[in-house]
Amino acid sequence: MKLVYFAWVRERVGRPEEMVAPPDEVATVADLVGWLRGRGEEYAYAFENPGVVRAAIDRVHAKPDASIRGAAEIAFFPPMTGG
């Protein structure tokens, strides 16, 4: 699946996007975040407060318990404010 990172999440991870193949036990957005945190200190830093980072599965906002099975793209981004 393709992961896309926006704003300071992208800056902390050090890349705008990447292709990954998480293990089968990674079934939800929260599982994916946990798996990513274990991939290196840049990911640990980007997801140090997983409750702050938002996710979208195939361009639809998703909660941490949302299934990632069959997803083509998952995007991670910080909270947005209007103005």
PDB file of N, CA and C in Angstrom:
ATOM      1  N   MET A   1       0.834  -1.179   0.000  1.00  0.00           N
ATOM      2  CA  MET A   1       0.000   0.000   0.000  1.00  0.00           C
ATOM      3  C   MET A   1       0.877   1.240   0.000  1.00  0.00           C
ATOM      4  N   LYS A   2       0.308   2.309  -0.490  1.00  0.00           N
ATOM      5  CA  LYS A   2       1.031   3.571  -0.552  1.00  0.00           C
ATOM      6  C   LYS A   2       0.698   4.391   0.689  1.00  0.00           C
ATOM      7  N   LEU A   3       1.731   4.921   1.336  1.00  0.00           N
ATOM      8  CA  LEU A   3       1.549   5.838   2.452  1.00  0.00           C
ATOM      9  C   LEU A   3       1.968   7.218   1.987  1.00  0.00           C
ATOM     10  N   VAL A   4       1.161   8.211   2.341  1.00  0.00           N
ATOM     11  CA  VAL A   4       1.434   9.595   1.975  1.00  0.00           C
ATOM     12  C   VAL A   4       1.475  10.412   3.256  1.00  0.00           C
ATOM     13  N   TYR A   5       2.474  11.272   3.370  1.00  0.00           N
ATOM     14  CA  TYR A   5       2.653  12.087   4.568  1.00  0.00           C
ATOM     15  C   TYR A   5       2.539  13.565   4.208  1.00  0.00           C
ATOM     16  N   PHE A   6       1.856  14.331   5.050  1.00  0.00           N
ATOM     17  CA  PHE A   6       1.651  15.755   4.804  1.00  0.00           C
ATOM     18  C   PHE A   6       2.176  16.601   5.959  1.00  0.00           C
ATOM     19  N   ALA A   7       2.540  17.845   5.625  1.00  0.00           N
ATOM     20  CA  ALA A   7       2.946  18.881   6.584  1.00  0.00           C
ATOM     21  C   ALA A   7       4.073  18.386   7.494  1.00  0.00           C
ATOM     22  N   TRP A   8       3.967  18.614   8.810  1.00  0.00           N
ATOM     23  CA  TRP A   8       5.083  18.243   9.692  1.00  0.00           C
ATOM     24  C   TRP A   8       5.257  16.736   9.824  1.00  0.00           C
ATOM     25  N   VAL A   9       4.248  15.948   9.516  1.00  0.00           N
ATOM     26  CA  VAL A   9       4.436  14.491   9.511  1.00  0.00           C
ATOM     27  C   VAL A   9       5.451  14.138   8.419  1.00  0.00           C
ATOM     28  N   ARG A  10       5.303  14.726   7.246  1.00  0.00           N
ATOM     29  CA  ARG A  10       6.238  14.513   6.136  1.00  0.00           C
ATOM     30  C   ARG A  10       7.645  14.979   6.525  1.00  0.00           C
ATOM     31  N   GLU A  11       7.738  16.137   7.154  1.00  0.00           N
ATOM     32  CA  GLU A  11       9.049  16.662   7.552  1.00  0.00           C
ATOM     33  C   GLU A  11       9.738  15.724   8.541  1.00  0.00           C
ATOM     34  N   ARG A  12       8.994  15.195   9.478  1.00  0.00           N
ATOM     35  CA  ARG A  12       9.581  14.318  10.491  1.00  0.00           C
ATOM     36  C   ARG A  12       9.970  12.953   9.918  1.00  0.00           C
ATOM     37  N   VAL A  13       9.136  12.405   9.048  1.00  0.00           N
ATOM     38  CA  VAL A  13       9.433  11.110   8.434  1.00  0.00           C
ATOM     39  C   VAL A  13      10.580  11.259   7.435  1.00  0.00           C
ATOM     40  N   GLY A  14      10.639  12.413   6.764  1.00  0.00           N
ATOM     41  CA  GLY A  14      11.725  12.673   5.826  1.00  0.00           C
ATOM     42  C   GLY A  14      11.436  12.285   4.393  1.00  0.00           C
ATOM     43  N   ARG A  15      10.161  12.036   4.090  1.00  0.00           N
ATOM     44  CA  ARG A  15       9.776  11.703   2.711  1.00  0.00           C
ATOM     45  C   ARG A  15       8.289  12.011   2.538  1.00  0.00           C
ATOM     46  N   PRO A  16       7.868  12.305   1.317  1.00  0.00           N
ATOM     47  CA  PRO A  16       6.458  12.623   1.097  1.00  0.00           C
ATOM     48  C   PRO A  16       5.561  11.393   0.983  1.00  0.00           C
ATOM     49  N   GLU A  17       6.152  10.264   0.538  1.00  0.00           N
ATOM     50  CA  GLU A  17       5.346   9.049   0.361  1.00  0.00           C
ATOM     51  C   GLU A  17       6.266   7.841   0.275  1.00  0.00           C
ATOM     52  N   GLU A  18       5.679   6.664   0.402  1.00  0.00           N
ATOM     53  CA  GLU A  18       6.426   5.414   0.255  1.00  0.00           C
ATOM     54  C   GLU A  18       5.452   4.264   0.085  1.00  0.00           C
ATOM     55  N   MET A  19       5.961   3.190  -0.470  1.00  0.00           N
ATOM     56  CA  MET A  19       5.199   1.956  -0.586  1.00  0.00           C
ATOM     57  C   MET A  19       5.643   1.019   0.533  1.00  0.00           C
ATOM     58  N   VAL A  20       4.671   0.400   1.214  1.00  0.00           N
ATOM     59  CA  VAL A  20       4.983  -0.520   2.305  1.00  0.00           C
ATOM     60  C   VAL A  20       4.128  -1.774   2.178  1.00  0.00           C
ATOM     61  N   ALA A  21       4.587  -2.821   2.823  1.00  0.00           N
ATOM     62  CA  ALA A  21       3.835  -4.077   2.910  1.00  0.00           C
ATOM     63  C   ALA A  21       3.871  -4.510   4.375  1.00  0.00           C
ATOM     64  N   PRO A  22       2.977  -3.948   5.193  1.00  0.00           N
ATOM     65  CA  PRO A  22       2.980  -4.304   6.611  1.00  0.00           C
ATOM     66  C   PRO A  22       2.612  -5.772   6.817  1.00  0.00           C
ATOM     67  N   PRO A  23       3.023  -6.346   7.930  1.00  0.00           N
ATOM     68  CA  PRO A  23       2.664  -7.737   8.210  1.00  0.00           C
ATOM     69  C   PRO A  23       1.150  -7.907   8.360  1.00  0.00           C
ATOM     70  N   ASP A  24       0.680  -9.133   8.221  1.00  0.00           N
ATOM     71  CA  ASP A  24      -0.758  -9.421   8.267  1.00  0.00           C
ATOM     72  C   ASP A  24      -1.429  -8.977   9.558  1.00  0.00           C
ATOM     73  N   GLU A  25      -0.707  -8.985  10.672  1.00  0.00           N
ATOM     74  CA  GLU A  25      -1.328  -8.603  11.952  1.00  0.00           C
ATOM     75  C   GLU A  25      -1.599  -7.104  12.058  1.00  0.00           C
ATOM     76  N   VAL A  26      -1.103  -6.321  11.123  1.00  0.00           N
ATOM     77  CA  VAL A  26      -1.392  -4.888  11.085  1.00  0.00           C
ATOM     78  C   VAL A  26      -2.717  -4.717  10.349  1.00  0.00           C
ATOM     79  N   ALA A  27      -3.798  -4.548  11.130  1.00  0.00           N
ATOM     80  CA  ALA A  27      -5.146  -4.581  10.554  1.00  0.00           C
ATOM     81  C   ALA A  27      -5.887  -3.247  10.606  1.00  0.00           C
ATOM     82  N   THR A  28      -5.445  -2.325  11.459  1.00  0.00           N
ATOM     83  CA  THR A  28      -6.143  -1.052  11.628  1.00  0.00           C
ATOM     84  C   THR A  28      -5.170   0.106  11.464  1.00  0.00           C
ATOM     85  N   VAL A  29      -5.722   1.308  11.404  1.00  0.00           N
ATOM     86  CA  VAL A  29      -4.875   2.505  11.346  1.00  0.00           C
ATOM     87  C   VAL A  29      -3.965   2.545  12.570  1.00  0.00           C
ATOM     88  N   ALA A  30      -4.504   2.272  13.749  1.00  0.00           N
ATOM     89  CA  ALA A  30      -3.694   2.286  14.975  1.00  0.00           C
ATOM     90  C   ALA A  30      -2.576   1.250  14.911  1.00  0.00           C
ATOM     91  N   ASP A  31      -2.879   0.061  14.401  1.00  0.00           N
ATOM     92  CA  ASP A  31      -1.844  -0.966  14.239  1.00  0.00           C
ATOM     93  C   ASP A  31      -0.748  -0.475  13.299  1.00  0.00           C
ATOM     94  N   LEU A  32      -1.152   0.180  12.217  1.00  0.00           N
ATOM     95  CA  LEU A  32      -0.187   0.678  11.246  1.00  0.00           C
ATOM     96  C   LEU A  32       0.713   1.733  11.878  1.00  0.00           C
ATOM     97  N   VAL A  33       0.131   2.627  12.632  1.00  0.00           N
ATOM     98  CA  VAL A  33       0.926   3.653  13.309  1.00  0.00           C
ATOM     99  C   VAL A  33       1.928   2.994  14.260  1.00  0.00           C
ATOM    100  N   GLY A  34       1.482   2.004  15.019  1.00  0.00           N
ATOM    101  CA  GLY A  34       2.386   1.293  15.917  1.00  0.00           C
ATOM    102  C   GLY A  34       3.512   0.616  15.163  1.00  0.00           C
ATOM    103  N   TRP A  35       3.192  -0.001  14.040  1.00  0.00           N
ATOM    104  CA  TRP A  35       4.199  -0.668  13.217  1.00  0.00           C
ATOM    105  C   TRP A  35       5.189   0.347  12.663  1.00  0.00           C
ATOM    106  N   LEU A  36       4.669   1.486  12.179  1.00  0.00           N
ATOM    107  CA  LEU A  36       5.546   2.523  11.648  1.00  0.00           C
ATOM    108  C   LEU A  36       6.479   3.061  12.723  1.00  0.00           C
ATOM    109  N   ARG A  37       5.986   3.247  13.924  1.00  0.00           N
ATOM    110  CA  ARG A  37       6.823   3.770  15.017  1.00  0.00           C
ATOM    111  C   ARG A  37       8.033   2.883  15.273  1.00  0.00           C
ATOM    112  N   GLY A  38       7.907   1.608  14.998  1.00  0.00           N
ATOM    113  CA  GLY A  38       9.008   0.684  15.202  1.00  0.00           C
ATOM    114  C   GLY A  38       9.997   0.637  14.048  1.00  0.00           C
ATOM    115  N   ARG A  39       9.755   1.405  12.996  1.00  0.00           N
ATOM    116  CA  ARG A  39      10.627   1.369  11.813  1.00  0.00           C
ATOM    117  C   ARG A  39      11.825   2.305  11.905  1.00  0.00           C
ATOM    118  N   GLY A  40      11.904   3.117  12.944  1.00  0.00           N
ATOM    119  CA  GLY A  40      13.045   4.018  13.078  1.00  0.00           C
ATOM    120  C   GLY A  40      12.683   5.256  13.857  1.00  0.00           C
ATOM    121  N   GLU A  41      13.706   5.974  14.272  1.00  0.00           N
ATOM    122  CA  GLU A  41      13.447   7.128  15.133  1.00  0.00           C
ATOM    123  C   GLU A  41      12.688   8.242  14.429  1.00  0.00           C
ATOM    124  N   GLU A  42      12.838   8.368  13.093  1.00  0.00           N
ATOM    125  CA  GLU A  42      12.078   9.399  12.388  1.00  0.00           C
ATOM    126  C   GLU A  42      10.580   9.115  12.447  1.00  0.00           C
ATOM    127  N   TYR A  43      10.199   7.840  12.363  1.00  0.00           N
ATOM    128  CA  TYR A  43       8.786   7.468  12.476  1.00  0.00           C
ATOM    129  C   TYR A  43       8.310   7.606  13.918  1.00  0.00           C
ATOM    130  N   ALA A  44       9.143   7.196  14.846  1.00  0.00           N
ATOM    131  CA  ALA A  44       8.792   7.335  16.266  1.00  0.00           C
ATOM    132  C   ALA A  44       8.536   8.804  16.590  1.00  0.00           C
ATOM    133  N   TYR A  45       9.356   9.681  16.040  1.00  0.00           N
ATOM    134  CA  TYR A  45       9.194  11.121  16.255  1.00  0.00           C
ATOM    135  C   TYR A  45       7.911  11.627  15.590  1.00  0.00           C
ATOM    136  N   ALA A  46       7.662  11.221  14.356  1.00  0.00           N
ATOM    137  CA  ALA A  46       6.473  11.682  13.632  1.00  0.00           C
ATOM    138  C   ALA A  46       5.183  11.239  14.316  1.00  0.00           C
ATOM    139  N   PHE A  47       5.202  10.036  14.902  1.00  0.00           N
ATOM    140  CA  PHE A  47       3.995   9.481  15.513  1.00  0.00           C
ATOM    141  C   PHE A  47       4.113   9.395  17.034  1.00  0.00           C
ATOM    142  N   GLU A  48       4.927  10.297  17.628  1.00  0.00           N
ATOM    143  CA  GLU A  48       5.135  10.251  19.073  1.00  0.00           C
ATOM    144  C   GLU A  48       3.845  10.468  19.847  1.00  0.00           C
ATOM    145  N   ASN A  49       2.911  11.191  19.273  1.00  0.00           N
ATOM    146  CA  ASN A  49       1.605  11.391  19.895  1.00  0.00           C
ATOM    147  C   ASN A  49       0.553  10.960  18.873  1.00  0.00           C
ATOM    148  N   PRO A  50       0.283   9.643  18.781  1.00  0.00           N
ATOM    149  CA  PRO A  50      -0.589   9.154  17.720  1.00  0.00           C
ATOM    150  C   PRO A  50      -2.011   9.724  17.753  1.00  0.00           C
ATOM    151  N   GLY A  51      -2.440  10.241  18.888  1.00  0.00           N
ATOM    152  CA  GLY A  51      -3.770  10.838  18.967  1.00  0.00           C
ATOM    153  C   GLY A  51      -3.883  12.153  18.226  1.00  0.00           C
ATOM    154  N   VAL A  52      -2.752  12.746  17.850  1.00  0.00           N
ATOM    155  CA  VAL A  52      -2.752  14.034  17.164  1.00  0.00           C
ATOM    156  C   VAL A  52      -2.779  13.850  15.643  1.00  0.00           C
ATOM    157  N   VAL A  53      -2.079  12.853  15.150  1.00  0.00           N
ATOM    158  CA  VAL A  53      -1.994  12.633  13.706  1.00  0.00           C
ATOM    159  C   VAL A  53      -3.303  12.037  13.189  1.00  0.00           C
ATOM    160  N   ARG A  54      -3.808  12.604  12.121  1.00  0.00           N
ATOM    161  CA  ARG A  54      -5.040  12.137  11.487  1.00  0.00           C
ATOM    162  C   ARG A  54      -4.697  11.225  10.315  1.00  0.00           C
ATOM    163  N   ALA A  55      -5.668  10.400   9.916  1.00  0.00           N
ATOM    164  CA  ALA A  55      -5.450   9.479   8.796  1.00  0.00           C
ATOM    165  C   ALA A  55      -6.641   9.513   7.844  1.00  0.00           C
ATOM    166  N   ALA A  56      -6.347   9.187   6.600  1.00  0.00           N
ATOM    167  CA  ALA A  56      -7.387   9.012   5.588  1.00  0.00           C
ATOM    168  C   ALA A  56      -7.056   7.735   4.814  1.00  0.00           C
ATOM    169  N   ILE A  57      -8.067   6.908   4.643  1.00  0.00           N
ATOM    170  CA  ILE A  57      -7.920   5.673   3.872  1.00  0.00           C
ATOM    171  C   ILE A  57      -8.582   5.901   2.525  1.00  0.00           C
ATOM    172  N   ASP A  58      -7.807   5.795   1.476  1.00  0.00           N
ATOM    173  CA  ASP A  58      -8.304   6.042   0.117  1.00  0.00           C
ATOM    174  C   ASP A  58      -9.108   7.343   0.051  1.00  0.00           C
ATOM    175  N   ARG A  59      -8.523   8.373   0.666  1.00  0.00           N
ATOM    176  CA  ARG A  59      -9.034   9.757   0.651  1.00  0.00           C
ATOM    177  C   ARG A  59     -10.299   9.983   1.471  1.00  0.00           C
ATOM    178  N   VAL A  60     -10.588   9.077   2.402  1.00  0.00           N
ATOM    179  CA  VAL A  60     -11.725   9.248   3.313  1.00  0.00           C
ATOM    180  C   VAL A  60     -11.175   9.236   4.737  1.00  0.00           C
ATOM    181  N   HIS A  61     -11.507  10.268   5.512  1.00  0.00           N
ATOM    182  CA  HIS A  61     -11.034  10.342   6.895  1.00  0.00           C
ATOM    183  C   HIS A  61     -11.373   9.060   7.632  1.00  0.00           C
ATOM    184  N   ALA A  62     -10.437   8.600   8.459  1.00  0.00           N
ATOM    185  CA  ALA A  62     -10.609   7.333   9.169  1.00  0.00           C
ATOM    186  C   ALA A  62     -10.175   7.464  10.616  1.00  0.00           C
ATOM    187  N   LYS A  63     -10.869   6.737  11.481  1.00  0.00           N
ATOM    188  CA  LYS A  63     -10.521   6.699  12.904  1.00  0.00           C
ATOM    189  C   LYS A  63      -9.443   5.641  13.126  1.00  0.00           C
ATOM    190  N   PRO A  64      -8.776   5.690  14.287  1.00  0.00           N
ATOM    191  CA  PRO A  64      -7.703   4.733  14.565  1.00  0.00           C
ATOM    192  C   PRO A  64      -8.125   3.265  14.484  1.00  0.00           C
ATOM    193  N   ASP A  65      -9.381   2.965  14.771  1.00  0.00           N
ATOM    194  CA  ASP A  65      -9.824   1.565  14.744  1.00  0.00           C
ATOM    195  C   ASP A  65     -10.319   1.108  13.368  1.00  0.00           C
ATOM    196  N   ALA A  66     -10.201   1.987  12.351  1.00  0.00           N
ATOM    197  CA  ALA A  66     -10.652   1.637  10.999  1.00  0.00           C
ATOM    198  C   ALA A  66      -9.737   0.584  10.384  1.00  0.00           C
ATOM    199  N   SER A  67     -10.331  -0.365   9.694  1.00  0.00           N
ATOM    200  CA  SER A  67      -9.586  -1.424   9.017  1.00  0.00           C
ATOM    201  C   SER A  67      -8.824  -0.853   7.825  1.00  0.00           C
ATOM    202  N   ILE A  68      -7.605  -1.335   7.640  1.00  0.00           N
ATOM    203  CA  ILE A  68      -6.815  -0.934   6.475  1.00  0.00           C
ATOM    204  C   ILE A  68      -6.776  -2.033   5.422  1.00  0.00           C
ATOM    205  N   ARG A  69      -7.506  -3.112   5.629  1.00  0.00           N
ATOM    206  CA  ARG A  69      -7.537  -4.231   4.678  1.00  0.00           C
ATOM    207  C   ARG A  69      -8.021  -3.733   3.319  1.00  0.00           C
ATOM    208  N   GLY A  70      -7.276  -4.021   2.290  1.00  0.00           N
ATOM    209  CA  GLY A  70      -7.656  -3.648   0.936  1.00  0.00           C
ATOM    210  C   GLY A  70      -7.396  -2.203   0.562  1.00  0.00           C
ATOM    211  N   ALA A  71      -6.820  -1.418   1.477  1.00  0.00           N
ATOM    212  CA  ALA A  71      -6.560  -0.007   1.186  1.00  0.00           C
ATOM    213  C   ALA A  71      -5.444   0.133   0.167  1.00  0.00           C
ATOM    214  N   ALA A  72      -5.626   1.041  -0.767  1.00  0.00           N
ATOM    215  CA  ALA A  72      -4.580   1.339  -1.743  1.00  0.00           C
ATOM    216  C   ALA A  72      -3.666   2.449  -1.234  1.00  0.00           C
ATOM    217  N   GLU A  73      -4.259   3.405  -0.501  1.00  0.00           N
ATOM    218  CA  GLU A  73      -3.491   4.558  -0.027  1.00  0.00           C
ATOM    219  C   GLU A  73      -3.960   4.971   1.360  1.00  0.00           C
ATOM    220  N   ILE A  74      -2.996   5.257   2.208  1.00  0.00           N
ATOM    221  CA  ILE A  74      -3.299   5.806   3.531  1.00  0.00           C
ATOM    222  C   ILE A  74      -2.464   7.062   3.688  1.00  0.00           C
ATOM    223  N   ALA A  75      -3.140   8.152   4.019  1.00  0.00           N
ATOM    224  CA  ALA A  75      -2.475   9.433   4.205  1.00  0.00           C
ATOM    225  C   ALA A  75      -2.476   9.798   5.676  1.00  0.00           C
ATOM    226  N   PHE A  76      -1.389  10.406   6.116  1.00  0.00           N
ATOM    227  CA  PHE A  76      -1.262  10.873   7.494  1.00  0.00           C
ATOM    228  C   PHE A  76      -0.996  12.369   7.468  1.00  0.00           C
ATOM    229  N   PHE A  77      -1.676  13.101   8.343  1.00  0.00           N
ATOM    230  CA  PHE A  77      -1.556  14.554   8.363  1.00  0.00           C
ATOM    231  C   PHE A  77      -1.907  15.072   9.754  1.00  0.00           C
ATOM    232  N   PRO A  78      -1.383  16.252  10.101  1.00  0.00           N
ATOM    233  CA  PRO A  78      -1.728  16.863  11.384  1.00  0.00           C
ATOM    234  C   PRO A  78      -3.133  17.445  11.332  1.00  0.00           C
ATOM    235  N   PRO A  79      -3.698  17.766  12.494  1.00  0.00           N
ATOM    236  CA  PRO A  79      -5.025  18.396  12.498  1.00  0.00           C
ATOM    237  C   PRO A  79      -4.999  19.703  11.710  1.00  0.00           C
ATOM    238  N   MET A  80      -6.094  19.997  11.062  1.00  0.00           N
ATOM    239  CA  MET A  80      -6.210  21.219  10.279  1.00  0.00           C
ATOM    240  C   MET A  80      -7.093  22.210  11.022  1.00  0.00           C
ATOM    241  N   THR A  81      -6.840  23.474  10.796  1.00  0.00           N
ATOM    242  CA  THR A  81      -7.701  24.506  11.355  1.00  0.00           C
ATOM    243  C   THR A  81      -8.251  25.330  10.211  1.00  0.00           C
ATOM    244  N   GLY A  82      -9.432  25.834  10.400  1.00  0.00           N
ATOM    245  CA  GLY A  82     -10.047  26.667   9.369  1.00  0.00           C
ATOM    246  C   GLY A  82      -9.672  28.106   9.574  1.00  0.00           C
ATOM    247  N   GLY A  83      -9.977  28.900   8.588  1.00  0.00           N
ATOM    248  CA  GLY A  83      -9.635  30.312   8.757  1.00  0.00           C
ATOM    249  C   GLY A  83     -10.052  31.124   7.587  1.00  0.00           C
TER     250      GLY A  83
END
